[in-house]
Amino acid sequence: MKPLLAIDGDSLAHRAYHGRPKTIRGAGGRPAGAIVGFADFLVRLWEAESPRAVVVGWDTLEAPTYRHEAFPGYQAGREFDEAILEQLRLLPELVTACGFRAARAPGYEADDFLAAAAAAEEDQGGHCLLVTSDRDAFQLASERTTILQPVRGVFELARIGPAEVRDRYGVDSGQVPDFIALRGDPSDRLPGARGVGAKTAAALIAQYGSLEGALAAGRFSSEADDLRLYLRMATLDASAPLPPLPDQVPTWSRAAALARDWGLKALAERLAAF
């Protein structure tokens, strides 16, 4: 059975933006490096993985999630160039033109849609490939779900399953949210437990099985409420609303026409060649 391919659109778009020259421009001199890089990546993924369908999840930057509302310091200080924000607004249209599905909804982050996609595909007895640079998604690794993590440039991918998660973190994939809650997550500005780093977090989970187990044993009693909140925030939300995901046939010609409308002639030619 062919896998479902679920992509963290924001993660890959930012990687493409920083990996391509800022001189790449479209019609009217608009920035287009992220669009071109993302499109190239999408084509290569389709060719390499032969998925039955593709869904791309997106953050909703203009609407806070429950994580932002529950913890005001969440992702504090993140600022993005207007050039990448402009391209992020366009990229879902490109995904749709390719014949794939884009998933975006207020209150959810891109990797919540990856969690929803993995859960839905596994429930149907299928396999899922999740493409993201966000290690929060390691909690989704299973016998039926593999993380494809860009590790060099844009196109080299590491395949992360349960064994690789344990090798990297010293915990099982299902314990990754507990690990994050204890260790913290600098990229999201989650503090974690005071004085606890990665090795100590893994050792605590090995000893107690979970954050809740450590709390029940009397550890971190003064921080219990905060740590439970961090755990909730680190746990991806598989209830994110997915569009229907029947088997798909790419519509590269439609995508080529859109790229041509955007003044991206070279990209249009590459897409039209498929």
Protein backbone atom coordinates (compact mmCIF):
# COMPACT_ATOMS: atom_id res chain seq x y z
CA MET A 1 0.00 0.00 0.00
CA LYS A 2 1.34 3.44 -0.88
CA PRO A 3 1.85 5.82 2.05
CA LEU A 4 0.14 9.09 2.82
CA LEU A 5 2.64 11.95 2.68
CA ALA A 6 1.98 14.72 5.22
CA ILE A 7 4.19 17.82 5.11
CA ASP A 8 4.79 20.61 7.63
CA GLY A 9 4.42 23.43 5.12
CA ASP A 10 5.84 26.21 7.29
CA SER A 11 8.88 24.15 8.25
CA LEU A 12 9.73 23.35 4.63
CA ALA A 13 8.94 26.85 3.38
CA HIS A 14 11.31 28.43 5.91
CA ARG A 15 14.00 25.94 4.98
CA ALA A 16 13.52 26.73 1.30
CA TYR A 17 13.53 30.48 2.00
CA HIS A 18 16.87 30.36 3.79
CA GLY A 19 18.35 27.87 1.33
CA ARG A 20 17.66 29.82 -1.86
CA PRO A 21 19.07 33.16 -3.05
CA LYS A 22 16.93 36.14 -2.02
CA THR A 23 17.44 37.40 -5.57
CA ILE A 24 14.86 34.94 -6.95
CA ARG A 25 11.90 37.09 -7.96
CA GLY A 26 8.59 36.68 -9.69
CA ALA A 27 6.16 39.05 -11.39
CA GLY A 28 6.47 42.61 -10.19
CA GLY A 29 9.76 41.81 -8.50
CA ARG A 30 8.00 39.91 -5.72
CA PRO A 31 10.16 37.52 -3.64
CA ALA A 32 9.86 33.92 -4.80
CA GLY A 33 12.80 31.89 -3.48
CA ALA A 34 10.69 30.01 -0.92
CA ILE A 35 8.04 29.24 -3.55
CA VAL A 36 10.59 27.85 -6.00
CA GLY A 37 12.43 25.84 -3.35
CA PHE A 38 9.24 24.47 -1.85
CA ALA A 39 7.89 23.46 -5.27
CA ASP A 40 11.13 21.68 -6.16
CA PHE A 41 11.02 19.82 -2.85
CA LEU A 42 7.39 18.82 -3.38
CA VAL A 43 8.16 17.36 -6.81
CA ARG A 44 11.18 15.45 -5.54
CA LEU A 45 9.18 14.04 -2.63
CA TRP A 46 6.45 12.82 -4.96
CA GLU A 47 8.97 11.17 -7.23
CA ALA A 48 10.99 9.60 -4.41
CA GLU A 49 8.18 8.34 -2.18
CA SER A 50 5.32 7.61 -4.64
CA PRO A 51 2.64 8.46 -2.06
CA ARG A 52 -1.02 7.73 -2.57
CA ALA A 53 -1.86 11.32 -1.54
CA VAL A 54 -0.27 14.47 -0.13
CA VAL A 55 -1.52 16.86 2.53
CA VAL A 56 0.37 19.97 3.60
CA GLY A 57 -0.35 21.47 7.01
CA TRP A 58 0.11 25.18 7.69
CA ASP A 59 0.32 27.41 10.73
CA THR A 60 -2.25 30.17 11.03
CA LEU A 61 0.08 33.02 11.90
CA GLU A 62 -2.65 35.62 12.30
CA ALA A 63 -4.61 33.56 14.87
CA PRO A 64 -3.19 32.42 18.24
CA THR A 65 -3.44 28.76 19.23
CA TYR A 66 -4.45 27.52 22.68
CA ARG A 67 -0.71 27.18 23.33
CA HIS A 68 -0.21 30.93 22.93
CA GLU A 69 -3.25 31.66 25.07
CA ALA A 70 -2.21 29.23 27.82
CA PHE A 71 1.40 30.39 27.98
CA PRO A 72 2.11 33.97 26.84
CA GLY A 73 5.82 33.23 26.48
CA TYR A 74 5.20 30.49 23.90
CA GLN A 75 7.29 31.19 20.78
CA ALA A 76 7.95 34.68 22.12
CA GLY A 77 10.33 36.80 20.10
CA ARG A 78 9.80 35.04 16.79
CA GLU A 79 9.92 37.51 13.95
CA PHE A 80 9.77 36.69 10.25
CA ASP A 81 10.82 38.68 7.20
CA GLU A 82 7.89 40.09 5.28
CA ALA A 83 9.28 38.30 2.22
CA ILE A 84 8.69 34.85 3.74
CA LEU A 85 5.29 35.86 5.13
CA GLU A 86 4.20 36.97 1.67
CA GLN A 87 5.21 33.62 0.18
CA LEU A 88 3.58 31.65 3.00
CA ARG A 89 0.29 33.27 2.04
CA LEU A 90 0.69 32.00 -1.54
CA LEU A 91 2.06 28.51 -1.04
CA PRO A 92 -1.24 26.76 -0.11
CA GLU A 93 -2.59 27.83 -3.49
CA LEU A 94 0.39 26.18 -5.18
CA VAL A 95 -0.18 22.98 -3.20
CA THR A 96 -3.81 22.89 -4.32
CA ALA A 97 -2.83 23.58 -7.93
CA CYS A 98 -0.58 20.50 -7.78
CA GLY A 99 -3.66 18.40 -7.00
CA PHE A 100 -2.79 17.98 -3.33
CA ARG A 101 -4.56 19.15 -0.15
CA ALA A 102 -3.72 22.09 2.10
CA ALA A 103 -4.83 22.03 5.74
CA ARG A 104 -5.06 25.20 7.80
CA ALA A 105 -7.44 26.19 10.60
CA PRO A 106 -7.43 28.80 13.39
CA GLY A 107 -6.04 27.45 16.63
CA TYR A 108 -3.89 24.70 15.10
CA GLU A 109 -0.26 24.48 14.08
CA ALA A 110 1.12 22.70 11.04
CA ASP A 111 2.40 19.74 13.03
CA ASP A 112 -1.04 19.21 14.59
CA PHE A 113 -2.21 18.33 11.08
CA LEU A 114 0.66 15.85 10.82
CA ALA A 115 -0.60 14.20 14.01
CA ALA A 116 -4.13 14.08 12.61
CA ALA A 117 -2.90 12.64 9.30
CA ALA A 118 -0.84 9.94 11.00
CA ALA A 119 -3.70 8.93 13.30
CA ALA A 120 -6.22 8.79 10.45
CA GLU A 121 -3.96 6.77 8.15
CA GLU A 122 -2.94 4.33 10.88
CA ASP A 123 -6.60 3.84 11.82
CA GLN A 124 -7.20 2.73 8.23
CA GLY A 125 -4.30 0.29 8.36
CA GLY A 126 -2.08 2.48 6.19
CA HIS A 127 1.38 3.98 6.48
CA CYS A 128 2.28 7.64 6.80
CA LEU A 129 5.39 9.68 5.98
CA LEU A 130 5.72 12.98 7.87
CA VAL A 131 8.08 15.62 6.49
CA THR A 132 9.20 18.21 9.03
CA SER A 133 12.24 19.76 10.68
CA ASP A 134 10.32 20.04 13.96
CA ARG A 135 11.46 17.37 16.41
CA ASP A 136 8.16 17.63 18.29
CA ALA A 137 6.91 15.28 15.56
CA PHE A 138 9.20 12.52 16.86
CA GLN A 139 6.31 11.63 19.20
CA LEU A 140 4.41 10.38 16.12
CA ALA A 141 7.01 7.80 15.04
CA SER A 142 5.59 4.28 15.03
CA GLU A 143 5.70 1.04 13.09
CA ARG A 144 3.37 2.66 10.56
CA THR A 145 4.58 6.28 10.68
CA THR A 146 8.06 7.49 9.72
CA ILE A 147 9.42 11.01 10.08
CA LEU A 148 11.40 12.37 7.12
CA GLN A 149 13.65 15.04 8.58
CA PRO A 150 15.67 17.36 6.32
CA VAL A 151 19.24 17.23 7.56
CA ARG A 152 21.36 18.93 4.90
CA GLY A 153 20.26 21.57 2.46
CA VAL A 154 16.67 20.82 1.55
CA PHE A 155 16.74 17.47 -0.20
CA GLU A 156 18.67 15.10 2.07
CA LEU A 157 16.35 13.36 4.51
CA ALA A 158 16.88 11.29 7.64
CA ARG A 159 14.27 8.59 8.23
CA ILE A 160 13.17 8.58 11.87
CA GLY A 161 11.29 5.64 13.36
CA PRO A 162 10.86 4.50 16.97
CA ALA A 163 14.42 3.11 17.16
CA GLU A 164 15.94 6.38 15.96
CA VAL A 165 13.89 8.38 18.48
CA ARG A 166 15.21 6.19 21.31
CA ASP A 167 18.78 6.52 20.00
CA ARG A 168 18.51 10.31 19.92
CA TYR A 169 16.52 11.05 23.06
CA GLY A 170 16.76 7.92 25.20
CA VAL A 171 12.96 7.67 25.41
CA ASP A 172 10.21 5.99 23.42
CA SER A 173 8.38 8.08 20.83
CA GLY A 174 5.23 8.17 22.97
CA GLN A 175 7.28 9.69 25.80
CA VAL A 176 8.62 12.58 23.72
CA PRO A 177 6.02 15.09 25.06
CA ASP A 178 7.03 14.15 28.65
CA PHE A 179 10.68 14.57 27.66
CA ILE A 180 9.99 18.02 26.18
CA ALA A 181 7.96 19.11 29.22
CA LEU A 182 10.85 18.21 31.54
CA ARG A 183 13.77 19.33 29.37
CA GLY A 184 12.05 22.36 27.87
CA ASP A 185 12.09 23.48 24.26
CA PRO A 186 14.24 26.54 23.49
CA SER A 187 12.76 26.95 20.00
CA ASP A 188 9.26 27.34 21.45
CA ARG A 189 10.44 29.11 24.64
CA LEU A 190 9.17 26.36 26.95
CA PRO A 191 11.29 26.51 30.12
CA GLY A 192 10.95 22.90 31.31
CA ALA A 193 11.76 21.85 34.86
CA ARG A 194 14.38 23.90 36.67
CA GLY A 195 17.84 22.43 36.33
CA VAL A 196 16.78 19.59 34.04
CA GLY A 197 18.57 18.99 30.75
CA ALA A 198 18.21 16.29 28.13
CA LYS A 199 20.12 13.54 29.98
CA THR A 200 18.31 14.16 33.26
CA ALA A 201 14.92 14.29 31.51
CA ALA A 202 15.58 10.92 29.84
CA ALA A 203 16.77 9.42 33.12
CA LEU A 204 13.67 10.65 34.97
CA ILE A 205 11.41 9.13 32.33
CA ALA A 206 13.34 5.86 32.48
CA GLN A 207 12.85 5.84 36.25
CA TYR A 208 9.23 6.97 36.47
CA GLY A 209 7.80 6.20 33.03
CA SER A 210 6.28 9.62 32.48
CA LEU A 211 6.07 13.16 33.79
CA GLU A 212 2.96 12.20 35.74
CA GLY A 213 4.87 9.30 37.29
CA ALA A 214 7.60 11.67 38.46
CA LEU A 215 5.03 14.07 39.91
CA ALA A 216 3.24 11.22 41.69
CA ALA A 217 6.57 10.29 43.29
CA GLY A 218 6.86 13.78 44.73
CA ARG A 219 9.30 15.23 42.22
CA PHE A 220 8.88 18.86 41.09
CA SER A 221 5.90 19.46 43.39
CA SER A 222 6.32 23.24 43.23
CA GLU A 223 6.35 23.14 39.42
CA ALA A 224 3.66 20.50 38.85
CA ASP A 225 1.03 22.77 37.32
CA ASP A 226 3.53 24.40 34.97
CA LEU A 227 4.97 21.06 33.88
CA ARG A 228 1.52 19.63 33.17
CA LEU A 229 0.86 22.69 31.02
CA TYR A 230 4.13 22.20 29.13
CA LEU A 231 3.18 18.56 28.56
CA ARG A 232 -0.17 19.58 27.10
CA MET A 233 1.52 22.14 24.87
CA ALA A 234 4.14 19.65 23.67
CA THR A 235 1.52 17.05 22.77
CA LEU A 236 0.43 17.39 19.16
CA ASP A 237 -3.32 17.69 18.62
CA ALA A 238 -4.62 14.87 16.41
CA SER A 239 -8.09 16.46 16.38
CA ALA A 240 -6.92 19.06 13.83
CA PRO A 241 -9.49 19.12 11.00
CA LEU A 242 -8.22 17.33 7.91
CA PRO A 243 -9.71 17.62 4.42
CA PRO A 244 -10.77 14.37 2.71
CA LEU A 245 -7.68 12.48 1.51
CA PRO A 246 -8.60 10.09 -1.31
CA ASP A 247 -5.87 8.85 -3.64
CA GLN A 248 -4.54 11.68 -5.79
CA VAL A 249 -3.10 12.19 -9.24
CA PRO A 250 -0.87 15.29 -9.46
CA THR A 251 -2.00 18.11 -11.73
CA TRP A 252 1.43 19.46 -12.59
CA SER A 253 0.09 21.32 -15.62
CA ARG A 254 -2.22 23.40 -13.38
CA ALA A 255 0.70 24.13 -11.08
CA ALA A 256 2.81 25.13 -14.10
CA ALA A 257 0.11 27.55 -15.24
CA LEU A 258 -0.01 29.12 -11.77
CA ALA A 259 3.78 29.46 -11.67
CA ARG A 260 3.64 31.12 -15.06
CA ASP A 261 1.02 33.57 -13.77
CA TRP A 262 3.37 34.37 -10.90
CA GLY A 263 6.16 35.17 -13.32
CA LEU A 264 8.20 32.07 -12.47
CA LYS A 265 8.99 30.85 -15.96
CA ALA A 266 11.77 28.38 -15.07
CA LEU A 267 9.63 26.76 -12.38
CA ALA A 268 6.68 26.59 -14.77
CA GLU A 269 8.82 24.79 -17.34
CA ARG A 270 10.02 22.24 -14.76
CA LEU A 271 6.48 21.54 -13.58
CA ALA A 272 5.13 21.29 -17.12
CA ALA A 273 7.76 18.63 -17.93
CA PHE A 274 6.11 16.07 -15.59
